Amino acid sequence: MQTLVVPLIPAFPRLLGATPTDASWVVTVTLLAGAVVTPVSGRLGDLYGKRRVLLASLGVLVAGSVLSALTSSLMLMVAGRGMQGLAMGVIPLGISIMRDELPRERVSGAIALMSATLGVGSAIGLPLAAVVAENTDWHVLFWGSAALGVGCASLILRYVPESPVRTPAPFDYLGALGLVVGLTCLLLPIVKGAEWGWGSGATLGFAVTAVVVFAGWGWYQLRRRDPLVDLRVSARRPVLFTNLASILVGFSMYAMSLSFPQLLQAPAATGYGLGLTMVGAGLCLAPNGIVMMLLSPVSARLTNRYGARTTLITGTSVIALGYLFAILLMDNALELVAASVIIGAGVGIAYAAMPALIMGAVPVTETASANGLNALMRSVGTSTSSAVMATMLTHLTLTVGTLTVPSLTGFRAAFAVAAVAALAGTALTLVVPRVRATTRELAPV
């Protein structure tokens, strides 16, 4: 869902009869909805059943896809894309069901595999969406996503049992409302700050509102008997520093998605661009997603043998190495494919380790909500990466004829920032207590 419309971004103003600023909401709304829904859907899963909420999420996805497929109106398209974003909670919910249902010896491998799908879907979705958009009516993309949603729901109904682990407590509606308002006010200036102006009234107003709302929300959560997010559990050192590292891993991962396609498609006249089409650029980046999937068993073995902390340190270090490779070697497509594969390998290893660290430190009754909060941290990282990368690549530019494109210095600066973020993630992980998170500790108790 995140990469589904990327090939259409330049054409959306014409297709939807809107300005580029208004059309950008087709992408922004999915990001916001996905970030907001993950902790909420996780808590709902703990309270009312993870399989039930999983199916409800896919139902909303299908409805949003059908709405988008039937319209060329900006308002309806934004609504449909928002509904698609509301399905982003399926990843933490699925990971939590695995912890509850699978035999102990299979938990680490299953979690690693599902975590890897976060990158695989994005990597495969980009070239696939580009091919469909270039050769058929663009609405076919949304009919396809609706069909995939129906197929996934059918398989869940057939093969996935409901988890017996429940938390007997009422849902915190006021806490959910405060979280939604706070996250929206936090993420909007991050995502739209470059467009609005970082010192504009809108950007500063939303940022100040986010601080005020989260201060009140935190005070309320600490005093509620059954909070939406148990901040005392979230403040435990393993959970807190894993979540902080997750922000930086999300930042590093999304930096590649934003910078590599632009570099691959930059005109050859720049002296560094390769002049590829969107489909060609997407195909160059597809191998990194496949590598994420192939390395998921390796990540599981690392976790079982050395602990999830060591696995996460390994993943963040490999990400930094991949960006260093890109800084030094970016003369042809093969070198960029190699760099993206190294980064993808690191992301796959890191993403598989984070749920293991989280679940080894929280009660089994809070598995889904804790995983949802961790997914939210990754979303904050990707949102921040989007803002930082866009700002850097639009200020460090080069003019070729009538085109203004990011300069070679801009790309190298972007890669350096992403590498530093990954290394900062390594430093934060070193603060996590040295506890071996094996399959025994991840199994239900």
Protein backbone atom coordinates (compact mmCIF):
# COMPACT_ATOMS: atom_id res chain seq x y z
CA MET A 1 0.00 0.00 0.00
CA GLN A 2 2.88 2.39 0.68
CA THR A 3 4.51 2.00 -2.75
CA LEU A 4 1.31 1.35 -4.71
CA VAL A 5 0.93 4.92 -5.99
CA VAL A 6 4.60 5.97 -6.19
CA PRO A 7 4.75 5.59 -10.01
CA LEU A 8 1.66 7.81 -10.30
CA ILE A 9 2.87 10.69 -8.11
CA PRO A 10 3.91 12.95 -11.04
CA ALA A 11 0.62 12.26 -12.86
CA PHE A 12 -1.81 12.65 -9.96
CA PRO A 13 -2.39 16.41 -10.45
CA ARG A 14 -3.58 15.69 -14.00
CA LEU A 15 -5.45 12.48 -13.17
CA LEU A 16 -7.31 13.99 -10.20
CA GLY A 17 -7.67 17.56 -11.46
CA ALA A 18 -5.79 18.94 -8.46
CA THR A 19 -2.74 21.02 -7.66
CA PRO A 20 0.49 19.13 -6.85
CA THR A 21 0.17 20.21 -3.22
CA ASP A 22 -3.36 18.84 -2.89
CA ALA A 23 -2.52 15.68 -4.83
CA SER A 24 0.35 14.90 -2.44
CA TRP A 25 -2.28 14.03 0.19
CA VAL A 26 -2.87 10.77 -1.70
CA VAL A 27 0.50 9.66 -0.32
CA THR A 28 0.53 11.60 2.95
CA VAL A 29 -2.82 10.33 4.23
CA THR A 30 -1.75 6.68 3.97
CA LEU A 31 1.39 7.40 5.97
CA LEU A 32 -0.57 9.25 8.67
CA ALA A 33 -3.34 6.64 8.88
CA GLY A 34 -0.83 3.80 9.12
CA ALA A 35 1.12 5.49 11.90
CA VAL A 36 -1.98 6.31 13.93
CA VAL A 37 -3.68 2.93 13.61
CA THR A 38 -0.85 0.59 14.61
CA PRO A 39 -0.91 1.16 18.41
CA VAL A 40 -4.71 1.39 18.42
CA SER A 41 -5.26 -1.82 16.46
CA GLY A 42 -2.70 -3.57 18.63
CA ARG A 43 -4.58 -2.66 21.79
CA LEU A 44 -7.90 -3.68 20.22
CA GLY A 45 -6.33 -7.02 19.34
CA ASP A 46 -5.22 -7.59 22.95
CA LEU A 47 -8.71 -6.76 24.21
CA TYR A 48 -11.08 -8.28 21.64
CA GLY A 49 -9.08 -10.82 19.66
CA LYS A 50 -6.17 -10.38 17.29
CA ARG A 51 -7.69 -12.41 14.43
CA ARG A 52 -10.91 -10.43 14.62
CA VAL A 53 -9.09 -7.09 14.39
CA LEU A 54 -6.84 -8.48 11.66
CA LEU A 55 -9.87 -9.36 9.53
CA ALA A 56 -11.48 -5.99 10.26
CA SER A 57 -8.29 -4.24 9.11
CA LEU A 58 -8.31 -6.16 5.84
CA GLY A 59 -12.00 -5.36 5.40
CA VAL A 60 -11.24 -1.65 5.65
CA LEU A 61 -8.37 -2.12 3.18
CA VAL A 62 -10.67 -3.77 0.64
CA ALA A 63 -13.31 -1.06 1.05
CA GLY A 64 -10.71 1.69 0.62
CA SER A 65 -9.26 -0.02 -2.46
CA VAL A 66 -12.69 -0.33 -4.10
CA LEU A 67 -13.47 3.31 -3.33
CA SER A 68 -10.17 4.41 -4.91
CA ALA A 69 -10.75 2.16 -7.92
CA LEU A 70 -14.15 3.73 -8.61
CA THR A 71 -13.20 7.39 -8.40
CA SER A 72 -11.12 10.12 -10.02
CA SER A 73 -12.11 12.64 -7.35
CA LEU A 74 -9.36 13.92 -5.09
CA MET A 75 -11.48 13.88 -1.93
CA LEU A 76 -12.70 10.31 -2.47
CA MET A 77 -9.21 9.15 -3.46
CA VAL A 78 -7.75 10.61 -0.25
CA ALA A 79 -10.50 8.88 1.75
CA GLY A 80 -9.80 5.57 0.03
CA ARG A 81 -6.06 5.85 0.52
CA GLY A 82 -6.63 6.68 4.20
CA MET A 83 -8.66 3.49 4.54
CA GLN A 84 -5.84 1.55 2.91
CA GLY A 85 -3.45 3.01 5.47
CA LEU A 86 -5.68 1.80 8.30
CA ALA A 87 -4.66 -1.76 7.40
CA MET A 88 -1.04 -1.17 8.47
CA GLY A 89 -1.76 -2.73 11.87
CA VAL A 90 -1.81 -6.21 10.32
CA ILE A 91 1.97 -6.67 10.79
CA PRO A 92 2.12 -6.28 14.61
CA LEU A 93 -1.16 -8.20 14.96
CA GLY A 94 0.19 -11.06 12.87
CA ILE A 95 3.45 -11.19 14.82
CA SER A 96 1.47 -11.34 18.07
CA ILE A 97 -0.70 -14.22 16.84
CA MET A 98 2.47 -16.12 15.97
CA ARG A 99 3.78 -15.69 19.49
CA ASP A 100 0.49 -16.97 20.90
CA GLU A 101 -0.06 -19.91 18.54
CA LEU A 102 3.15 -21.38 17.16
CA PRO A 103 5.37 -24.00 18.82
CA ARG A 104 8.28 -22.47 20.66
CA GLU A 105 10.90 -23.67 18.19
CA ARG A 106 9.14 -21.92 15.29
CA VAL A 107 8.44 -18.52 16.85
CA SER A 108 11.73 -16.74 16.03
CA GLY A 109 11.78 -17.91 12.41
CA ALA A 110 8.15 -16.95 11.86
CA ILE A 111 8.59 -13.50 13.38
CA ALA A 112 11.71 -12.91 11.28
CA LEU A 113 9.88 -13.95 8.11
CA MET A 114 6.86 -11.72 8.75
CA SER A 115 9.04 -8.78 9.71
CA ALA A 116 10.90 -9.18 6.42
CA THR A 117 7.65 -8.80 4.47
CA LEU A 118 7.65 -5.10 5.41
CA GLY A 119 10.58 -4.57 3.08
CA VAL A 120 9.64 -7.25 0.55
CA GLY A 121 6.24 -5.71 -0.14
CA SER A 122 7.73 -2.28 -0.73
CA ALA A 123 10.55 -3.57 -2.93
CA ILE A 124 8.34 -5.78 -5.11
CA GLY A 125 5.40 -3.38 -5.12
CA LEU A 126 7.34 -0.53 -6.73
CA PRO A 127 8.27 -2.17 -10.07
CA LEU A 128 5.00 -4.09 -10.21
CA ALA A 129 2.97 -0.91 -9.75
CA ALA A 130 5.11 0.85 -12.37
CA VAL A 131 4.47 -1.88 -14.95
CA VAL A 132 0.72 -1.84 -14.28
CA ALA A 133 0.54 1.97 -14.37
CA GLU A 134 2.43 2.15 -17.67
CA ASN A 135 0.43 -0.54 -19.48
CA THR A 136 -3.15 -0.36 -18.13
CA ASP A 137 -5.64 2.06 -16.66
CA TRP A 138 -4.30 3.33 -13.34
CA HIS A 139 -7.44 2.25 -11.49
CA VAL A 140 -6.34 -1.37 -12.03
CA LEU A 141 -3.80 -0.88 -9.24
CA PHE A 142 -6.61 -0.44 -6.74
CA TRP A 143 -8.69 -3.32 -8.08
CA GLY A 144 -5.58 -5.45 -7.65
CA SER A 145 -5.07 -4.35 -4.05
CA ALA A 146 -8.74 -5.09 -3.31
CA ALA A 147 -8.32 -8.61 -4.72
CA LEU A 148 -5.18 -9.14 -2.63
CA GLY A 149 -7.05 -8.00 0.49
CA VAL A 150 -9.89 -10.44 -0.18
CA GLY A 151 -7.38 -13.24 -0.79
CA CYS A 152 -5.52 -12.53 2.45
CA ALA A 153 -8.76 -12.40 4.46
CA SER A 154 -9.88 -15.72 2.95
CA LEU A 155 -6.60 -17.40 3.91
CA ILE A 156 -6.81 -16.01 7.45
CA LEU A 157 -10.37 -17.31 7.82
CA ARG A 158 -9.23 -20.73 6.62
CA TYR A 159 -5.90 -21.19 8.36
CA VAL A 160 -5.39 -18.72 11.24
CA PRO A 161 -7.04 -19.51 14.59
CA GLU A 162 -8.11 -16.85 17.04
CA SER A 163 -5.56 -16.28 19.77
CA PRO A 164 -6.77 -17.38 23.22
CA VAL A 165 -4.72 -14.62 24.90
CA ARG A 166 -6.95 -11.70 25.90
CA THR A 167 -6.70 -8.74 28.24
CA PRO A 168 -9.90 -8.35 30.27
CA ALA A 169 -10.19 -4.56 30.31
CA PRO A 170 -12.26 -1.77 28.72
CA PHE A 171 -10.91 0.07 25.69
CA ASP A 172 -9.45 3.50 26.45
CA TYR A 173 -11.41 5.67 24.00
CA LEU A 174 -10.17 8.98 25.40
CA GLY A 175 -6.59 7.73 25.29
CA ALA A 176 -7.07 6.62 21.66
CA LEU A 177 -8.47 10.03 20.74
CA GLY A 178 -5.55 11.80 22.42
CA LEU A 179 -3.04 9.56 20.62
CA VAL A 180 -4.69 10.15 17.25
CA VAL A 181 -4.74 13.94 17.73
CA GLY A 182 -1.18 14.03 19.08
CA LEU A 183 0.27 11.85 16.32
CA THR A 184 -1.53 13.79 13.60
CA CYS A 185 -0.19 17.08 14.95
CA LEU A 186 3.30 15.58 15.25
CA LEU A 187 3.52 13.91 11.85
CA LEU A 188 1.83 16.59 9.75
CA PRO A 189 4.61 19.19 10.22
CA ILE A 190 7.24 16.48 9.72
CA VAL A 191 5.72 15.32 6.43
CA LYS A 192 4.58 18.74 5.13
CA GLY A 193 7.16 21.03 6.77
CA ALA A 194 9.30 21.40 3.64
CA GLU A 195 6.20 22.36 1.67
CA TRP A 196 4.67 24.70 4.26
CA GLY A 197 7.99 26.15 5.41
CA TRP A 198 9.72 25.01 8.60
CA GLY A 199 9.15 28.36 10.27
CA SER A 200 5.58 28.84 9.06
CA GLY A 201 2.66 29.31 11.41
CA ALA A 202 1.08 26.01 10.37
CA THR A 203 4.25 23.99 11.01
CA LEU A 204 4.99 25.61 14.38
CA GLY A 205 1.34 25.55 15.42
CA PHE A 206 0.96 21.82 14.81
CA ALA A 207 4.30 21.10 16.53
CA VAL A 208 3.35 23.07 19.66
CA THR A 209 -0.09 21.44 19.73
CA ALA A 210 1.55 18.00 19.54
CA VAL A 211 3.74 18.79 22.57
CA VAL A 212 0.74 20.02 24.60
CA VAL A 213 -1.49 17.09 23.61
CA PHE A 214 1.16 14.46 24.34
CA ALA A 215 1.94 16.02 27.72
CA GLY A 216 -1.72 15.78 28.70
CA TRP A 217 -2.07 12.33 27.14
CA GLY A 218 0.92 10.99 29.06
CA TRP A 219 -0.41 12.39 32.33
CA TYR A 220 -3.76 10.72 31.66
CA GLN A 221 -2.23 7.37 30.65
CA LEU A 222 -0.13 7.18 33.82
CA ARG A 223 -3.22 7.67 35.99
CA ARG A 224 -5.56 5.30 34.16
CA ARG A 225 -5.91 1.73 35.44
CA ASP A 226 -6.18 0.21 31.93
CA PRO A 227 -4.35 2.63 29.62
CA LEU A 228 -4.15 2.40 25.85
CA VAL A 229 -0.35 2.38 26.15
CA ASP A 230 1.24 1.26 29.40
CA LEU A 231 3.92 3.93 29.65
CA ARG A 232 5.56 2.24 32.63
CA VAL A 233 6.15 -0.89 30.55
CA SER A 234 7.20 1.25 27.57
CA ALA A 235 9.75 3.02 29.79
CA ARG A 236 11.57 -0.22 30.59
CA ARG A 237 15.08 -0.02 29.22
CA PRO A 238 14.77 -2.87 26.67
CA VAL A 239 11.49 -1.49 25.32
CA LEU A 240 12.45 2.19 25.38
CA PHE A 241 15.81 1.85 23.64
CA THR A 242 14.54 -0.71 21.15
CA ASN A 243 11.78 1.72 20.17
CA LEU A 244 14.26 4.58 19.86
CA ALA A 245 16.49 2.38 17.68
CA SER A 246 13.43 1.49 15.61
CA ILE A 247 12.94 5.15 14.72
CA LEU A 248 16.49 5.29 13.35
CA VAL A 249 16.17 1.98 11.46
CA GLY A 250 12.95 3.24 9.87
CA PHE A 251 14.74 6.47 8.96
CA SER A 252 17.62 4.60 7.33
CA MET A 253 15.38 2.22 5.42
CA TYR A 254 13.17 4.94 3.93
CA ALA A 255 16.16 7.05 2.94
CA MET A 256 17.04 4.39 0.37
CA SER A 257 13.48 4.31 -0.99
CA LEU A 258 13.56 8.08 -1.51
CA SER A 259 17.09 8.62 -2.81
CA PHE A 260 18.00 5.56 -4.88
CA PRO A 261 15.12 5.86 -7.41
CA GLN A 262 15.98 9.53 -8.01
CA LEU A 263 19.63 8.68 -8.55
CA LEU A 264 18.83 5.83 -10.92
CA GLN A 265 16.42 8.02 -12.93
CA ALA A 266 18.59 11.16 -13.00
CA PRO A 267 19.55 12.18 -16.58
CA ALA A 268 22.89 10.87 -17.81
CA ALA A 269 23.79 14.49 -18.69
CA THR A 270 24.33 15.16 -14.98
CA GLY A 271 27.50 13.05 -15.13
CA TYR A 272 26.29 10.66 -12.43
CA GLY A 273 22.66 9.83 -13.32
CA LEU A 274 21.78 6.60 -15.11
CA GLY A 275 18.65 7.79 -16.93
CA LEU A 276 16.55 4.73 -16.11
CA THR A 277 12.77 4.58 -16.34
CA MET A 278 10.59 4.13 -13.25
CA VAL A 279 10.20 0.44 -14.12
CA GLY A 280 13.97 0.05 -14.57
CA ALA A 281 14.69 1.79 -11.28
CA GLY A 282 12.10 -0.35 -9.52
CA LEU A 283 13.61 -3.54 -10.90
CA CYS A 284 17.04 -2.44 -9.70
CA LEU A 285 15.68 -2.07 -6.16
CA ALA A 286 13.62 -5.29 -6.15
CA PRO A 287 16.58 -7.55 -5.16
CA ASN A 288 16.93 -5.83 -1.77
CA GLY A 289 13.44 -6.99 -0.82
CA ILE A 290 14.18 -10.54 -1.90
CA VAL A 291 17.37 -10.49 0.19
CA MET A 292 15.31 -9.41 3.22
CA MET A 293 13.14 -12.50 2.81
CA LEU A 294 16.08 -14.85 2.23
CA LEU A 295 17.92 -13.56 5.30
CA SER A 296 14.99 -13.97 7.70
CA PRO A 297 16.08 -17.52 8.71
CA VAL A 298 19.60 -16.19 9.29
CA SER A 299 18.22 -13.49 11.57
CA ALA A 300 16.23 -16.11 13.50
CA ARG A 301 19.35 -18.24 13.99
CA LEU A 302 21.34 -15.22 15.16
CA THR A 303 18.61 -14.39 17.67
CA ASN A 304 18.42 -17.95 18.97
CA ARG A 305 22.20 -18.26 19.34
CA TYR A 306 23.34 -14.79 20.38
CA GLY A 307 20.16 -12.93 21.40
CA ALA A 308 18.01 -10.33 19.70
CA ARG A 309 20.22 -7.49 20.96
CA THR A 310 23.23 -8.80 19.04
CA THR A 311 21.05 -9.39 15.98
CA LEU A 312 19.81 -5.79 16.01
CA ILE A 313 23.36 -4.47 16.41
CA THR A 314 24.39 -6.59 13.42
CA GLY A 315 21.50 -5.28 11.33
CA THR A 316 22.11 -1.60 12.01
CA SER A 317 25.85 -2.02 11.37
CA VAL A 318 25.17 -3.68 8.00
CA ILE A 319 22.82 -0.82 7.03
CA ALA A 320 25.58 1.71 7.74
CA LEU A 321 28.02 -0.38 5.71
CA GLY A 322 25.60 -0.37 2.76
CA TYR A 323 25.36 3.42 2.75
CA LEU A 324 29.15 3.72 2.98
CA PHE A 325 29.36 1.46 -0.07
CA ALA A 326 26.89 3.74 -1.89
CA ILE A 327 28.90 6.86 -1.04
CA LEU A 328 32.09 5.35 -2.47
CA LEU A 329 30.67 3.32 -5.37
CA MET A 330 27.75 4.77 -7.32
CA ASP A 331 29.07 4.85 -10.89
CA ASN A 332 26.71 2.27 -12.43
CA ALA A 333 23.48 0.40 -11.79
CA LEU A 334 25.24 -2.75 -10.59
CA GLU A 335 27.03 -0.87 -7.81
CA LEU A 336 23.77 0.72 -6.66
CA VAL A 337 22.03 -2.65 -6.75
CA ALA A 338 24.83 -4.04 -4.56
CA ALA A 339 24.48 -1.13 -2.12
CA SER A 340 20.70 -1.56 -1.94
CA VAL A 341 21.12 -5.31 -1.32
CA ILE A 342 23.54 -4.65 1.57
CA ILE A 343 21.13 -2.09 3.07
CA GLY A 344 18.21 -4.46 2.54
CA ALA A 345 20.09 -7.24 4.29
CA GLY A 346 20.68 -5.00 7.29
CA VAL A 347 17.07 -3.85 7.38
CA GLY A 348 15.82 -7.44 7.18
CA ILE A 349 18.04 -8.54 10.07
CA ALA A 350 17.15 -5.48 12.18
CA TYR A 351 13.40 -5.65 11.53
CA ALA A 352 13.32 -9.29 12.57
CA ALA A 353 15.17 -8.57 15.81
CA MET A 354 13.03 -5.67 17.07
CA PRO A 355 9.82 -7.63 17.78
CA ALA A 356 11.88 -10.28 19.56
CA LEU A 357 13.42 -7.66 21.86
CA ILE A 358 10.03 -6.09 22.54
CA MET A 359 8.22 -9.36 23.25
CA GLY A 360 10.98 -10.54 25.52
CA ALA A 361 10.36 -7.51 27.76
CA VAL A 362 6.54 -7.15 27.93
CA PRO A 363 3.77 -9.29 29.43
CA VAL A 364 2.15 -11.71 26.99
CA THR A 365 -1.19 -9.90 27.46
CA GLU A 366 0.33 -6.72 25.96
CA THR A 367 2.09 -8.31 22.99
CA ALA A 368 -0.04 -6.76 20.24
CA SER A 369 -0.15 -3.26 21.72
CA ALA A 370 3.62 -3.32 22.36
CA ASN A 371 4.27 -4.45 18.78
CA GLY A 372 1.89 -1.77 17.56
CA LEU A 373 3.84 0.89 19.43
CA ASN A 374 7.08 -0.44 17.95
CA ALA A 375 5.56 -0.27 14.46
CA LEU A 376 4.55 3.32 15.23
CA MET A 377 8.17 4.16 16.07
CA ARG A 378 9.25 2.84 12.67
CA SER A 379 6.55 5.01 11.06
CA VAL A 380 7.87 8.06 12.88
CA GLY A 381 11.30 7.20 11.50
CA THR A 382 10.06 6.89 7.92
CA SER A 383 8.08 10.13 8.22
CA THR A 384 11.12 11.98 9.54
CA SER A 385 13.27 10.47 6.81
CA SER A 386 10.82 11.67 4.18
CA ALA A 387 11.08 15.24 5.48
CA VAL A 388 14.86 15.26 5.95
CA MET A 389 15.68 13.60 2.63
CA ALA A 390 13.27 15.82 0.70
CA THR A 391 14.79 18.94 2.26
CA MET A 392 18.35 17.87 1.54
CA LEU A 393 17.73 16.74 -2.03
CA THR A 394 15.76 19.88 -2.92
CA HIS A 395 18.38 22.27 -1.54
CA LEU A 396 21.49 20.55 -2.93
CA THR A 397 20.60 20.63 -6.63
CA LEU A 398 22.02 20.81 -10.12
CA THR A 399 20.42 22.36 -13.22
CA VAL A 400 20.63 20.38 -16.48
CA GLY A 401 18.90 22.21 -19.30
CA THR A 402 15.41 22.95 -18.04
CA LEU A 403 15.59 20.30 -15.30
CA THR A 404 16.62 20.84 -11.69
CA VAL A 405 17.73 17.60 -10.04
CA PRO A 406 19.56 16.66 -6.82
CA SER A 407 23.32 17.04 -7.13
CA LEU A 408 25.92 14.34 -6.54
CA THR A 409 26.85 16.13 -3.31
CA GLY A 410 23.21 16.01 -2.26
CA PHE A 411 22.97 12.26 -2.75
CA ARG A 412 26.21 11.61 -0.90
CA ALA A 413 25.09 13.86 1.96
CA ALA A 414 21.78 11.96 2.13
CA PHE A 415 23.62 8.61 2.25
CA ALA A 416 25.94 9.94 4.97
CA VAL A 417 23.00 11.08 7.12
CA ALA A 418 21.32 7.68 6.71
CA ALA A 419 24.56 5.91 7.69
CA VAL A 420 24.91 8.09 10.81
CA ALA A 421 21.29 7.30 11.74
CA ALA A 422 22.01 3.57 11.45
CA LEU A 423 25.13 3.90 13.61
CA ALA A 424 23.12 5.87 16.17
CA GLY A 425 20.69 2.95 16.19
CA THR A 426 23.65 0.67 16.96
CA ALA A 427 24.66 2.90 19.87
CA LEU A 428 21.13 2.88 21.31
CA THR A 429 20.94 -0.90 21.03
CA LEU A 430 24.15 -1.22 23.02
CA VAL A 431 22.25 0.33 25.94
CA VAL A 432 19.67 -2.48 25.88
CA PRO A 433 20.43 -5.04 28.64
CA ARG A 434 22.24 -8.14 27.41
CA VAL A 435 19.40 -10.68 27.62
CA ARG A 436 19.20 -13.55 25.17
CA ALA A 437 15.74 -13.45 23.54
CA THR A 438 15.31 -17.02 22.37
CA THR A 439 12.27 -18.92 21.20
CA ARG A 440 11.70 -20.08 24.76
CA GLU A 441 11.28 -16.50 25.99
CA LEU A 442 9.09 -15.51 23.03
CA ALA A 443 6.66 -18.38 23.46
CA PRO A 444 3.36 -17.84 25.29
CA VAL A 445 3.44 -18.27 29.04
